[in-house]
Structures are given as C-alpha cells and as structure tokens.
Amino acid sequence: MNLLPIVEEIIDLDPQMRFAAIIDLKGNISEAIMKEGKTSLKSQKEEEHFCKQVAVRRKIRKQFDKSLGPVNYVHIERKKVTQVVIYPKRRTVYVTMEPTVDIARKMELINIIKKKTAKL
C-alpha cells in the first residue's frame, strides 16, 4: 500500500502541521514527511527511537482496553510542539503541529485524520 499520499494529505490539512508519519505495529516508520519549510526538533535517530516508543506505549495502553475501552487518540502538549498519536487497527499515525494551533482546530484536525486513516 502506498502511504505517501496519505501523509501528504495529512501534512496539507493545515499550514501549522509540522510532521506526519505512519508507523507499523513494531514502531518502524512506514512513511513520513516533514512540512516544507519546517525543521525537525529531533534528529533522525531520535525520531526513530520515539516511533519505537510509540509502539511500546500502544501495547501498554492496549492492556487497559477491556476495563477502560480502547484509546481514541493521544494528545500531548509540549512547549515547542503538539504531538498526536492515533491508533487505526494495523498502523499508528503520529503527527506534530505548532503548539499555537487553537484547541478547537486541533480537535478538528484529529477527527479529520482519524477518518482519513481509519482503514489502515
């Protein structure tokens, strides 16, 4: 499956998007793209390590699905960046955006991304 058009669509959703990646269940980056004109806040090695950790955290969160229900998404606010992780069935979607994006717009973007990636 060609995942590049999906990450391109995600990155083009808003000028404040920074990075979009689709990660397999082992934490390997299947496809990723940085918004043109943006610079990464992490080195490539750090990015790869972070994606591996995303897969580990997904497995940990899955342990609570029976009692708490499945995770809809993970939203992390940092000083320099907003991170969002979405869990379609067979992949993980990781996106970053500028922290200055209005919270209502962030929620709108999360819902759009969830719809676009639901079948992954």
PDB file of N, CA and C in Angstrom:
ATOM      1  N   MET A   1       0.846  -1.188   0.000  1.00  0.00           N
ATOM      2  CA  MET A   1       0.000   0.000   0.000  1.00  0.00           C
ATOM      3  C   MET A   1       0.888   1.246   0.000  1.00  0.00           C
ATOM      4  N   ASN A   2       0.599   2.160  -0.897  1.00  0.00           N
ATOM      5  CA  ASN A   2       1.359   3.405  -0.971  1.00  0.00           C
ATOM      6  C   ASN A   2       0.809   4.385   0.067  1.00  0.00           C
ATOM      7  N   LEU A   3       1.601   4.663   1.080  1.00  0.00           N
ATOM      8  CA  LEU A   3       1.162   5.519   2.185  1.00  0.00           C
ATOM      9  C   LEU A   3       1.525   6.990   1.997  1.00  0.00           C
ATOM     10  N   LEU A   4       2.382   7.278   1.018  1.00  0.00           N
ATOM     11  CA  LEU A   4       2.815   8.656   0.799  1.00  0.00           C
ATOM     12  C   LEU A   4       1.649   9.618   0.564  1.00  0.00           C
ATOM     13  N   PRO A   5       0.658   9.266  -0.285  1.00  0.00           N
ATOM     14  CA  PRO A   5      -0.460  10.207  -0.474  1.00  0.00           C
ATOM     15  C   PRO A   5      -1.215  10.511   0.832  1.00  0.00           C
ATOM     16  N   ILE A   6      -1.283   9.545   1.723  1.00  0.00           N
ATOM     17  CA  ILE A   6      -1.991   9.753   2.990  1.00  0.00           C
ATOM     18  C   ILE A   6      -1.237  10.754   3.859  1.00  0.00           C
ATOM     19  N   VAL A   7       0.087  10.572   4.008  1.00  0.00           N
ATOM     20  CA  VAL A   7       0.840  11.518   4.842  1.00  0.00           C
ATOM     21  C   VAL A   7       0.885  12.901   4.191  1.00  0.00           C
ATOM     22  N   GLU A   8       0.901  12.940   2.859  1.00  0.00           N
ATOM     23  CA  GLU A   8       0.863  14.233   2.169  1.00  0.00           C
ATOM     24  C   GLU A   8      -0.460  14.950   2.440  1.00  0.00           C
ATOM     25  N   GLU A   9      -1.560  14.191   2.387  1.00  0.00           N
ATOM     26  CA  GLU A   9      -2.873  14.779   2.691  1.00  0.00           C
ATOM     27  C   GLU A   9      -2.915  15.326   4.112  1.00  0.00           C
ATOM     28  N   ILE A  10      -2.364  14.549   5.036  1.00  0.00           N
ATOM     29  CA  ILE A  10      -2.363  14.969   6.448  1.00  0.00           C
ATOM     30  C   ILE A  10      -1.553  16.249   6.621  1.00  0.00           C
ATOM     31  N   ILE A  11      -0.365  16.286   6.069  1.00  0.00           N
ATOM     32  CA  ILE A  11       0.519  17.447   6.247  1.00  0.00           C
ATOM     33  C   ILE A  11      -0.080  18.696   5.597  1.00  0.00           C
ATOM     34  N   ASP A  12      -0.891  18.494   4.548  1.00  0.00           N
ATOM     35  CA  ASP A  12      -1.511  19.619   3.839  1.00  0.00           C
ATOM     36  C   ASP A  12      -2.822  20.094   4.471  1.00  0.00           C
ATOM     37  N   LEU A  13      -3.265  19.453   5.534  1.00  0.00           N
ATOM     38  CA  LEU A  13      -4.524  19.841   6.176  1.00  0.00           C
ATOM     39  C   LEU A  13      -4.494  21.250   6.757  1.00  0.00           C
ATOM     40  N   ASP A  14      -3.308  21.665   7.201  1.00  0.00           N
ATOM     41  CA  ASP A  14      -3.206  22.967   7.867  1.00  0.00           C
ATOM     42  C   ASP A  14      -1.769  23.472   7.741  1.00  0.00           C
ATOM     43  N   PRO A  15      -1.584  24.768   7.545  1.00  0.00           N
ATOM     44  CA  PRO A  15      -0.224  25.312   7.446  1.00  0.00           C
ATOM     45  C   PRO A  15       0.598  25.106   8.725  1.00  0.00           C
ATOM     46  N   GLN A  16      -0.066  24.868   9.850  1.00  0.00           N
ATOM     47  CA  GLN A  16       0.635  24.705  11.128  1.00  0.00           C
ATOM     48  C   GLN A  16       1.076  23.258  11.402  1.00  0.00           C
ATOM     49  N   MET A  17       0.735  22.337  10.499  1.00  0.00           N
ATOM     50  CA  MET A  17       1.201  20.956  10.647  1.00  0.00           C
ATOM     51  C   MET A  17       2.710  20.955  10.457  1.00  0.00           C
ATOM     52  N   ARG A  18       3.405  20.109  11.196  1.00  0.00           N
ATOM     53  CA  ARG A  18       4.860  20.034  11.101  1.00  0.00           C
ATOM     54  C   ARG A  18       5.329  18.713  10.480  1.00  0.00           C
ATOM     55  N   PHE A  19       4.780  17.601  10.982  1.00  0.00           N
ATOM     56  CA  PHE A  19       5.304  16.280  10.647  1.00  0.00           C
ATOM     57  C   PHE A  19       4.159  15.285  10.670  1.00  0.00           C
ATOM     58  N   ALA A  20       4.194  14.320   9.761  1.00  0.00           N
ATOM     59  CA  ALA A  20       3.213  13.234   9.763  1.00  0.00           C
ATOM     60  C   ALA A  20       3.933  11.931   9.440  1.00  0.00           C
ATOM     61  N   ALA A  21       3.609  10.880  10.201  1.00  0.00           N
ATOM     62  CA  ALA A  21       4.221   9.577   9.978  1.00  0.00           C
ATOM     63  C   ALA A  21       3.184   8.482  10.166  1.00  0.00           C
ATOM     64  N   ILE A  22       3.361   7.425   9.396  1.00  0.00           N
ATOM     65  CA  ILE A  22       2.595   6.203   9.603  1.00  0.00           C
ATOM     66  C   ILE A  22       3.601   5.146  10.026  1.00  0.00           C
ATOM     67  N   ILE A  23       3.304   4.528  11.145  1.00  0.00           N
ATOM     68  CA  ILE A  23       4.239   3.621  11.809  1.00  0.00           C
ATOM     69  C   ILE A  23       3.605   2.238  11.877  1.00  0.00           C
ATOM     70  N   ASP A  24       4.406   1.191  11.652  1.00  0.00           N
ATOM     71  CA  ASP A  24       3.853  -0.152  11.803  1.00  0.00           C
ATOM     72  C   ASP A  24       3.769  -0.513  13.283  1.00  0.00           C
ATOM     73  N   LEU A  25       3.192  -1.661  13.582  1.00  0.00           N
ATOM     74  CA  LEU A  25       2.956  -2.029  14.979  1.00  0.00           C
ATOM     75  C   LEU A  25       4.237  -2.336  15.752  1.00  0.00           C
ATOM     76  N   LYS A  26       5.359  -2.477  15.027  1.00  0.00           N
ATOM     77  CA  LYS A  26       6.647  -2.693  15.691  1.00  0.00           C
ATOM     78  C   LYS A  26       7.391  -1.380  15.927  1.00  0.00           C
ATOM     79  N   GLY A  27       6.838  -0.287  15.417  1.00  0.00           N
ATOM     80  CA  GLY A  27       7.458   1.016  15.614  1.00  0.00           C
ATOM     81  C   GLY A  27       8.336   1.484  14.474  1.00  0.00           C
ATOM     82  N   ASN A  28       8.328   0.741  13.371  1.00  0.00           N
ATOM     83  CA  ASN A  28       9.104   1.148  12.190  1.00  0.00           C
ATOM     84  C   ASN A  28       8.305   2.178  11.396  1.00  0.00           C
ATOM     85  N   ILE A  29       8.987   3.204  10.929  1.00  0.00           N
ATOM     86  CA  ILE A  29       8.333   4.235  10.132  1.00  0.00           C
ATOM     87  C   ILE A  29       8.083   3.687   8.727  1.00  0.00           C
ATOM     88  N   SER A  30       6.803   3.566   8.360  1.00  0.00           N
ATOM     89  CA  SER A  30       6.445   3.097   7.021  1.00  0.00           C
ATOM     90  C   SER A  30       6.506   4.236   6.018  1.00  0.00           C
ATOM     91  N   GLU A  31       6.078   5.419   6.460  1.00  0.00           N
ATOM     92  CA  GLU A  31       6.131   6.624   5.619  1.00  0.00           C
ATOM     93  C   GLU A  31       6.095   7.836   6.537  1.00  0.00           C
ATOM     94  N   ALA A  32       6.851   8.846   6.192  1.00  0.00           N
ATOM     95  CA  ALA A  32       6.876  10.076   6.996  1.00  0.00           C
ATOM     96  C   ALA A  32       7.227  11.249   6.114  1.00  0.00           C
ATOM     97  N   ILE A  33       6.746  12.415   6.523  1.00  0.00           N
ATOM     98  CA  ILE A  33       7.036  13.628   5.767  1.00  0.00           C
ATOM     99  C   ILE A  33       7.073  14.818   6.723  1.00  0.00           C
ATOM    100  N   MET A  34       8.051  15.671   6.507  1.00  0.00           N
ATOM    101  CA  MET A  34       8.160  16.919   7.267  1.00  0.00           C
ATOM    102  C   MET A  34       7.606  18.028   6.381  1.00  0.00           C
ATOM    103  N   LYS A  35       6.827  18.913   6.980  1.00  0.00           N
ATOM    104  CA  LYS A  35       6.255  20.045   6.239  1.00  0.00           C
ATOM    105  C   LYS A  35       7.385  20.879   5.643  1.00  0.00           C
ATOM    106  N   GLU A  36       7.240  21.230   4.382  1.00  0.00           N
ATOM    107  CA  GLU A  36       8.233  22.059   3.705  1.00  0.00           C
ATOM    108  C   GLU A  36       8.405  23.370   4.466  1.00  0.00           C
ATOM    109  N   GLY A  37       9.641  23.736   4.716  1.00  0.00           N
ATOM    110  CA  GLY A  37       9.936  24.974   5.425  1.00  0.00           C
ATOM    111  C   GLY A  37      10.053  24.804   6.930  1.00  0.00           C
ATOM    112  N   LYS A  38       9.701  23.621   7.450  1.00  0.00           N
ATOM    113  CA  LYS A  38       9.826  23.338   8.883  1.00  0.00           C
ATOM    114  C   LYS A  38      11.092  22.536   9.109  1.00  0.00           C
ATOM    115  N   THR A  39      11.710  22.720  10.253  1.00  0.00           N
ATOM    116  CA  THR A  39      12.874  21.917  10.606  1.00  0.00           C
ATOM    117  C   THR A  39      12.505  21.001  11.766  1.00  0.00           C
ATOM    118  N   SER A  40      13.090  19.821  11.754  1.00  0.00           N
ATOM    119  CA  SER A  40      12.796  18.842  12.791  1.00  0.00           C
ATOM    120  C   SER A  40      13.368  19.298  14.129  1.00  0.00           C
ATOM    121  N   LEU A  41      12.606  19.060  15.184  1.00  0.00           N
ATOM    122  CA  LEU A  41      13.076  19.368  16.529  1.00  0.00           C
ATOM    123  C   LEU A  41      13.875  18.199  17.101  1.00  0.00           C
ATOM    124  N   LYS A  42      13.856  17.054  16.382  1.00  0.00           N
ATOM    125  CA  LYS A  42      14.589  15.869  16.817  1.00  0.00           C
ATOM    126  C   LYS A  42      15.475  15.404  15.669  1.00  0.00           C
ATOM    127  N   SER A  43      16.569  14.727  16.013  1.00  0.00           N
ATOM    128  CA  SER A  43      17.407  14.124  14.974  1.00  0.00           C
ATOM    129  C   SER A  43      16.669  12.909  14.408  1.00  0.00           C
ATOM    130  N   GLN A  44      17.145  12.402  13.290  1.00  0.00           N
ATOM    131  CA  GLN A  44      16.502  11.233  12.692  1.00  0.00           C
ATOM    132  C   GLN A  44      16.555  10.051  13.657  1.00  0.00           C
ATOM    133  N   LYS A  45      17.678   9.887  14.342  1.00  0.00           N
ATOM    134  CA  LYS A  45      17.818   8.791  15.304  1.00  0.00           C
ATOM    135  C   LYS A  45      16.802   8.953  16.448  1.00  0.00           C
ATOM    136  N   GLU A  46      16.634  10.176  16.932  1.00  0.00           N
ATOM    137  CA  GLU A  46      15.653  10.442  17.994  1.00  0.00           C
ATOM    138  C   GLU A  46      14.235  10.175  17.498  1.00  0.00           C
ATOM    139  N   GLU A  47      13.963  10.558  16.256  1.00  0.00           N
ATOM    140  CA  GLU A  47      12.639  10.336  15.666  1.00  0.00           C
ATOM    141  C   GLU A  47      12.344   8.848  15.574  1.00  0.00           C
ATOM    142  N   GLU A  48      13.318   8.071  15.110  1.00  0.00           N
ATOM    143  CA  GLU A  48      13.145   6.623  15.008  1.00  0.00           C
ATOM    144  C   GLU A  48      12.935   6.004  16.383  1.00  0.00           C
ATOM    145  N   HIS A  49      13.708   6.449  17.364  1.00  0.00           N
ATOM    146  CA  HIS A  49      13.558   5.947  18.739  1.00  0.00           C
ATOM    147  C   HIS A  49      12.177   6.300  19.282  1.00  0.00           C
ATOM    148  N   PHE A  50      11.726   7.523  19.040  1.00  0.00           N
ATOM    149  CA  PHE A  50      10.413   7.951  19.507  1.00  0.00           C
ATOM    150  C   PHE A  50       9.328   7.059  18.907  1.00  0.00           C
ATOM    151  N   CYS A  51       9.435   6.751  17.611  1.00  0.00           N
ATOM    152  CA  CYS A  51       8.432   5.917  16.948  1.00  0.00           C
ATOM    153  C   CYS A  51       8.423   4.499  17.527  1.00  0.00           C
ATOM    154  N   LYS A  52       9.585   3.969  17.869  1.00  0.00           N
ATOM    155  CA  LYS A  52       9.645   2.661  18.545  1.00  0.00           C
ATOM    156  C   LYS A  52       8.910   2.739  19.882  1.00  0.00           C
ATOM    157  N   GLN A  53       9.108   3.839  20.606  1.00  0.00           N
ATOM    158  CA  GLN A  53       8.442   4.012  21.901  1.00  0.00           C
ATOM    159  C   GLN A  53       6.928   4.155  21.744  1.00  0.00           C
ATOM    160  N   VAL A  54       6.491   4.760  20.650  1.00  0.00           N
ATOM    161  CA  VAL A  54       5.057   4.879  20.368  1.00  0.00           C
ATOM    162  C   VAL A  54       4.446   3.479  20.286  1.00  0.00           C
ATOM    163  N   ALA A  55       5.140   2.556  19.631  1.00  0.00           N
ATOM    164  CA  ALA A  55       4.641   1.181  19.501  1.00  0.00           C
ATOM    165  C   ALA A  55       4.592   0.488  20.865  1.00  0.00           C
ATOM    166  N   VAL A  56       5.608   0.702  21.679  1.00  0.00           N
ATOM    167  CA  VAL A  56       5.628   0.113  23.017  1.00  0.00           C
ATOM    168  C   VAL A  56       4.466   0.646  23.851  1.00  0.00           C
ATOM    169  N   ARG A  57       4.272   1.969  23.810  1.00  0.00           N
ATOM    170  CA  ARG A  57       3.183   2.581  24.586  1.00  0.00           C
ATOM    171  C   ARG A  57       1.814   2.094  24.109  1.00  0.00           C
ATOM    172  N   ARG A  58       1.696   1.860  22.806  1.00  0.00           N
ATOM    173  CA  ARG A  58       0.417   1.355  22.288  1.00  0.00           C
ATOM    174  C   ARG A  58       0.103  -0.008  22.917  1.00  0.00           C
ATOM    175  N   LYS A  59       1.105  -0.872  22.986  1.00  0.00           N
ATOM    176  CA  LYS A  59       0.903  -2.196  23.592  1.00  0.00           C
ATOM    177  C   LYS A  59       0.525  -2.061  25.066  1.00  0.00           C
ATOM    178  N   ILE A  60       1.164  -1.157  25.778  1.00  0.00           N
ATOM    179  CA  ILE A  60       0.848  -0.944  27.193  1.00  0.00           C
ATOM    180  C   ILE A  60      -0.588  -0.448  27.347  1.00  0.00           C
ATOM    181  N   ARG A  61      -0.977   0.520  26.539  1.00  0.00           N
ATOM    182  CA  ARG A  61      -2.341   1.062  26.625  1.00  0.00           C
ATOM    183  C   ARG A  61      -3.386   0.000  26.296  1.00  0.00           C
ATOM    184  N   LYS A  62      -3.048  -0.911  25.390  1.00  0.00           N
ATOM    185  CA  LYS A  62      -3.976  -1.968  24.978  1.00  0.00           C
ATOM    186  C   LYS A  62      -4.379  -2.836  26.171  1.00  0.00           C
ATOM    187  N   GLN A  63      -3.503  -2.958  27.150  1.00  0.00           N
ATOM    188  CA  GLN A  63      -3.794  -3.769  28.336  1.00  0.00           C
ATOM    189  C   GLN A  63      -5.012  -3.245  29.101  1.00  0.00           C
ATOM    190  N   PHE A  64      -5.336  -1.974  28.920  1.00  0.00           N
ATOM    191  CA  PHE A  64      -6.452  -1.366  29.640  1.00  0.00           C
ATOM    192  C   PHE A  64      -7.713  -1.249  28.802  1.00  0.00           C
ATOM    193  N   ASP A  65      -7.688  -1.768  27.571  1.00  0.00           N
ATOM    194  CA  ASP A  65      -8.850  -1.657  26.686  1.00  0.00           C
ATOM    195  C   ASP A  65     -10.094  -2.319  27.272  1.00  0.00           C
ATOM    196  N   LYS A  66      -9.915  -3.472  27.897  1.00  0.00           N
ATOM    197  CA  LYS A  66     -11.076  -4.191  28.424  1.00  0.00           C
ATOM    198  C   LYS A  66     -11.762  -3.400  29.537  1.00  0.00           C
ATOM    199  N   SER A  67     -10.986  -2.815  30.427  1.00  0.00           N
ATOM    200  CA  SER A  67     -11.590  -2.108  31.559  1.00  0.00           C
ATOM    201  C   SER A  67     -11.943  -0.658  31.240  1.00  0.00           C
ATOM    202  N   LEU A  68     -11.153   0.008  30.397  1.00  0.00           N
ATOM    203  CA  LEU A  68     -11.358   1.434  30.141  1.00  0.00           C
ATOM    204  C   LEU A  68     -11.890   1.745  28.740  1.00  0.00           C
ATOM    205  N   GLY A  69     -11.834   0.764  27.864  1.00  0.00           N
ATOM    206  CA  GLY A  69     -12.198   0.993  26.469  1.00  0.00           C
ATOM    207  C   GLY A  69     -10.951   1.357  25.669  1.00  0.00           C
ATOM    208  N   PRO A  70     -11.031   1.202  24.351  1.00  0.00           N
ATOM    209  CA  PRO A  70      -9.855   1.495  23.517  1.00  0.00           C
ATOM    210  C   PRO A  70      -9.530   2.990  23.490  1.00  0.00           C
ATOM    211  N   VAL A  71      -8.271   3.276  23.220  1.00  0.00           N
ATOM    212  CA  VAL A  71      -7.791   4.654  23.126  1.00  0.00           C
ATOM    213  C   VAL A  71      -8.311   5.265  21.827  1.00  0.00           C
ATOM    214  N   ASN A  72      -8.899   6.458  21.906  1.00  0.00           N
ATOM    215  CA  ASN A  72      -9.330   7.178  20.710  1.00  0.00           C
ATOM    216  C   ASN A  72      -8.139   7.861  20.044  1.00  0.00           C
ATOM    217  N   TYR A  73      -7.327   8.517  20.836  1.00  0.00           N
ATOM    218  CA  TYR A  73      -6.104   9.165  20.364  1.00  0.00           C
ATOM    219  C   TYR A  73      -5.328   9.624  21.597  1.00  0.00           C
ATOM    220  N   VAL A  74      -4.060   9.971  21.385  1.00  0.00           N
ATOM    221  CA  VAL A  74      -3.216  10.520  22.444  1.00  0.00           C
ATOM    222  C   VAL A  74      -2.809  11.923  22.000  1.00  0.00           C
ATOM    223  N   HIS A  75      -2.985  12.887  22.876  1.00  0.00           N
ATOM    224  CA  HIS A  75      -2.708  14.296  22.567  1.00  0.00           C
ATOM    225  C   HIS A  75      -1.746  14.814  23.635  1.00  0.00           C
ATOM    226  N   ILE A  76      -0.577  15.249  23.196  1.00  0.00           N
ATOM    227  CA  ILE A  76       0.456  15.727  24.119  1.00  0.00           C
ATOM    228  C   ILE A  76       0.804  17.166  23.756  1.00  0.00           C
ATOM    229  N   GLU A  77       0.705  18.038  24.736  1.00  0.00           N
ATOM    230  CA  GLU A  77       1.081  19.439  24.551  1.00  0.00           C
ATOM    231  C   GLU A  77       2.458  19.667  25.159  1.00  0.00           C
ATOM    232  N   ARG A  78       3.392  20.091  24.346  1.00  0.00           N
ATOM    233  CA  ARG A  78       4.731  20.435  24.809  1.00  0.00           C
ATOM    234  C   ARG A  78       4.958  21.917  24.530  1.00  0.00           C
ATOM    235  N   LYS A  79       5.998  22.448  25.101  1.00  0.00           N
ATOM    236  CA  LYS A  79       6.288  23.867  24.913  1.00  0.00           C
ATOM    237  C   LYS A  79       6.536  24.206  23.438  1.00  0.00           C
ATOM    238  N   LYS A  80       7.255  23.332  22.739  1.00  0.00           N
ATOM    239  CA  LYS A  80       7.645  23.620  21.362  1.00  0.00           C
ATOM    240  C   LYS A  80       6.791  22.947  20.296  1.00  0.00           C
ATOM    241  N   VAL A  81       5.960  21.984  20.692  1.00  0.00           N
ATOM    242  CA  VAL A  81       5.224  21.217  19.690  1.00  0.00           C
ATOM    243  C   VAL A  81       4.020  20.507  20.323  1.00  0.00           C
ATOM    244  N   THR A  82       2.996  20.285  19.513  1.00  0.00           N
ATOM    245  CA  THR A  82       1.866  19.435  19.902  1.00  0.00           C
ATOM    246  C   THR A  82       2.052  18.105  19.187  1.00  0.00           C
ATOM    247  N   GLN A  83       1.945  17.007  19.929  1.00  0.00           N
ATOM    248  CA  GLN A  83       2.074  15.681  19.366  1.00  0.00           C
ATOM    249  C   GLN A  83       0.730  14.965  19.482  1.00  0.00           C
ATOM    250  N   VAL A  84       0.345  14.260  18.410  1.00  0.00           N
ATOM    251  CA  VAL A  84      -0.897  13.494  18.413  1.00  0.00           C
ATOM    252  C   VAL A  84      -0.592  12.105  17.856  1.00  0.00           C
ATOM    253  N   VAL A  85      -1.108  11.093  18.549  1.00  0.00           N
ATOM    254  CA  VAL A  85      -0.947   9.710  18.109  1.00  0.00           C
ATOM    255  C   VAL A  85      -2.342   9.104  17.977  1.00  0.00           C
ATOM    256  N   ILE A  86      -2.593   8.498  16.823  1.00  0.00           N
ATOM    257  CA  ILE A  86      -3.887   7.888  16.530  1.00  0.00           C
ATOM    258  C   ILE A  86      -3.648   6.413  16.217  1.00  0.00           C
ATOM    259  N   TYR A  87      -4.568   5.562  16.683  1.00  0.00           N
ATOM    260  CA  TYR A  87      -4.398   4.116  16.559  1.00  0.00           C
ATOM    261  C   TYR A  87      -5.416   3.449  15.622  1.00  0.00           C
ATOM    262  N   PRO A  88      -5.210   3.513  14.305  1.00  0.00           N
ATOM    263  CA  PRO A  88      -6.023   2.650  13.440  1.00  0.00           C
ATOM    264  C   PRO A  88      -5.676   1.186  13.764  1.00  0.00           C
ATOM    265  N   LYS A  89      -6.357   0.236  13.137  1.00  0.00           N
ATOM    266  CA  LYS A  89      -6.180  -1.176  13.514  1.00  0.00           C
ATOM    267  C   LYS A  89      -4.765  -1.717  13.343  1.00  0.00           C
ATOM    268  N   ARG A  90      -4.155  -1.501  12.190  1.00  0.00           N
ATOM    269  CA  ARG A  90      -2.883  -2.164  11.886  1.00  0.00           C
ATOM    270  C   ARG A  90      -1.679  -1.230  11.797  1.00  0.00           C
ATOM    271  N   ARG A  91      -1.907   0.031  12.020  1.00  0.00           N
ATOM    272  CA  ARG A  91      -0.825   1.020  11.952  1.00  0.00           C
ATOM    273  C   ARG A  91      -1.022   2.042  13.061  1.00  0.00           C
ATOM    274  N   THR A  92      -0.038   2.902  13.212  1.00  0.00           N
ATOM    275  CA  THR A  92      -0.146   4.019  14.144  1.00  0.00           C
ATOM    276  C   THR A  92       0.169   5.282  13.352  1.00  0.00           C
ATOM    277  N   VAL A  93      -0.604   6.324  13.586  1.00  0.00           N
ATOM    278  CA  VAL A  93      -0.393   7.604  12.909  1.00  0.00           C
ATOM    279  C   VAL A  93       0.133   8.577  13.951  1.00  0.00           C
ATOM    280  N   TYR A  94       1.268   9.211  13.625  1.00  0.00           N
ATOM    281  CA  TYR A  94       1.888  10.173  14.523  1.00  0.00           C
ATOM    282  C   TYR A  94       2.028  11.490  13.783  1.00  0.00           C
ATOM    283  N   VAL A  95       1.477  12.552  14.352  1.00  0.00           N
ATOM    284  CA  VAL A  95       1.587  13.873  13.728  1.00  0.00           C
ATOM    285  C   VAL A  95       2.028  14.897  14.762  1.00  0.00           C
ATOM    286  N   THR A  96       2.690  15.917  14.267  1.00  0.00           N
ATOM    287  CA  THR A  96       3.025  17.052  15.122  1.00  0.00           C
ATOM    288  C   THR A  96       2.530  18.319  14.444  1.00  0.00           C
ATOM    289  N   MET A  97       2.236  19.308  15.278  1.00  0.00           N
ATOM    290  CA  MET A  97       1.804  20.609  14.778  1.00  0.00           C
ATOM    291  C   MET A  97       2.308  21.676  15.736  1.00  0.00           C
ATOM    292  N   GLU A  98       2.222  22.905  15.284  1.00  0.00           N
ATOM    293  CA  GLU A  98       2.643  24.013  16.131  1.00  0.00           C
ATOM    294  C   GLU A  98       1.744  24.085  17.369  1.00  0.00           C
ATOM    295  N   PRO A  99       2.313  24.360  18.534  1.00  0.00           N
ATOM    296  CA  PRO A  99       1.510  24.420  19.757  1.00  0.00           C
ATOM    297  C   PRO A  99       0.537  25.601  19.783  1.00  0.00           C
ATOM    298  N   THR A 100       0.721  26.548  18.886  1.00  0.00           N
ATOM    299  CA  THR A 100      -0.136  27.736  18.853  1.00  0.00           C
ATOM    300  C   THR A 100      -1.480  27.499  18.156  1.00  0.00           C
ATOM    301  N   VAL A 101      -1.656  26.308  17.557  1.00  0.00           N
ATOM    302  CA  VAL A 101      -2.930  25.998  16.911  1.00  0.00           C
ATOM    303  C   VAL A 101      -4.023  25.995  17.985  1.00  0.00           C
ATOM    304  N   ASP A 102      -5.136  26.657  17.699  1.00  0.00           N
ATOM    305  CA  ASP A 102      -6.269  26.722  18.622  1.00  0.00           C
ATOM    306  C   ASP A 102      -6.766  25.312  18.942  1.00  0.00           C
ATOM    307  N   ILE A 103      -7.156  25.073  20.190  1.00  0.00           N
ATOM    308  CA  ILE A 103      -7.574  23.729  20.623  1.00  0.00           C
ATOM    309  C   ILE A 103      -8.755  23.208  19.797  1.00  0.00           C
ATOM    310  N   ALA A 104      -9.683  24.064  19.432  1.00  0.00           N
ATOM    311  CA  ALA A 104     -10.821  23.618  18.611  1.00  0.00           C
ATOM    312  C   ALA A 104     -10.329  23.142  17.246  1.00  0.00           C
ATOM    313  N   ARG A 105      -9.361  23.834  16.683  1.00  0.00           N
ATOM    314  CA  ARG A 105      -8.795  23.432  15.395  1.00  0.00           C
ATOM    315  C   ARG A 105      -8.024  22.120  15.546  1.00  0.00           C
ATOM    316  N   LYS A 106      -7.309  21.954  16.650  1.00  0.00           N
ATOM    317  CA  LYS A 106      -6.590  20.698  16.889  1.00  0.00           C
ATOM    318  C   LYS A 106      -7.570  19.533  16.901  1.00  0.00           C
ATOM    319  N   MET A 107      -8.685  19.707  17.589  1.00  0.00           N
ATOM    320  CA  MET A 107      -9.690  18.637  17.659  1.00  0.00           C
ATOM    321  C   MET A 107     -10.264  18.346  16.275  1.00  0.00           C
ATOM    322  N   GLU A 108     -10.487  19.391  15.508  1.00  0.00           N
ATOM    323  CA  GLU A 108     -10.989  19.229  14.140  1.00  0.00           C
ATOM    324  C   GLU A 108      -9.984  18.426  13.303  1.00  0.00           C
ATOM    325  N   LEU A 109      -8.702  18.777  13.406  1.00  0.00           N
ATOM    326  CA  LEU A 109      -7.653  18.069  12.662  1.00  0.00           C
ATOM    327  C   LEU A 109      -7.568  16.608  13.092  1.00  0.00           C
ATOM    328  N   ILE A 110      -7.635  16.355  14.390  1.00  0.00           N
ATOM    329  CA  ILE A 110      -7.585  14.982  14.894  1.00  0.00           C
ATOM    330  C   ILE A 110      -8.734  14.168  14.299  1.00  0.00           C
ATOM    331  N   ASN A 111      -9.927  14.719  14.293  1.00  0.00           N
ATOM    332  CA  ASN A 111     -11.080  13.994  13.749  1.00  0.00           C
ATOM    333  C   ASN A 111     -10.945  13.742  12.257  1.00  0.00           C
ATOM    334  N   ILE A 112     -10.424  14.704  11.525  1.00  0.00           N
ATOM    335  CA  ILE A 112     -10.203  14.523  10.081  1.00  0.00           C
ATOM    336  C   ILE A 112      -9.179  13.418   9.851  1.00  0.00           C
ATOM    337  N   ILE A 113      -8.081  13.460  10.600  1.00  0.00           N
ATOM    338  CA  ILE A 113      -7.019  12.451  10.440  1.00  0.00           C
ATOM    339  C   ILE A 113      -7.548  11.064  10.805  1.00  0.00           C
ATOM    340  N   LYS A 114      -8.337  10.978  11.864  1.00  0.00           N
ATOM    341  CA  LYS A 114      -8.922   9.686  12.248  1.00  0.00           C
ATOM    342  C   LYS A 114      -9.772   9.112  11.114  1.00  0.00           C
ATOM    343  N   LYS A 115     -10.557   9.955  10.474  1.00  0.00           N
ATOM    344  CA  LYS A 115     -11.409   9.489   9.356  1.00  0.00           C
ATOM    345  C   LYS A 115     -10.559   9.053   8.171  1.00  0.00           C
ATOM    346  N   LYS A 116      -9.525   9.833   7.850  1.00  0.00           N
ATOM    347  CA  LYS A 116      -8.679   9.538   6.693  1.00  0.00           C
ATOM    348  C   LYS A 116      -7.862   8.253   6.879  1.00  0.00           C
ATOM    349  N   THR A 117      -7.584   7.888   8.130  1.00  0.00           N
ATOM    350  CA  THR A 117      -6.695   6.757   8.396  1.00  0.00           C
ATOM    351  C   THR A 117      -7.413   5.563   9.028  1.00  0.00           C
ATOM    352  N   ALA A 118      -8.714   5.606   9.128  1.00  0.00           N
ATOM    353  CA  ALA A 118      -9.483   4.570   9.838  1.00  0.00           C
ATOM    354  C   ALA A 118      -9.256   3.170   9.290  1.00  0.00           C
ATOM    355  N   LYS A 119      -8.957   3.051   8.008  1.00  0.00           N
ATOM    356  CA  LYS A 119      -8.817   1.722   7.409  1.00  0.00           C
ATOM    357  C   LYS A 119      -7.380   1.203   7.361  1.00  0.00           C
ATOM    358  N   LEU A 120      -6.471   1.933   7.947  1.00  0.00           N
ATOM    359  CA  LEU A 120      -5.069   1.488   7.944  1.00  0.00           C
ATOM    360  C   LEU A 120      -4.850   0.328   8.898  1.00  0.00           C
TER     361      LEU A 120
END
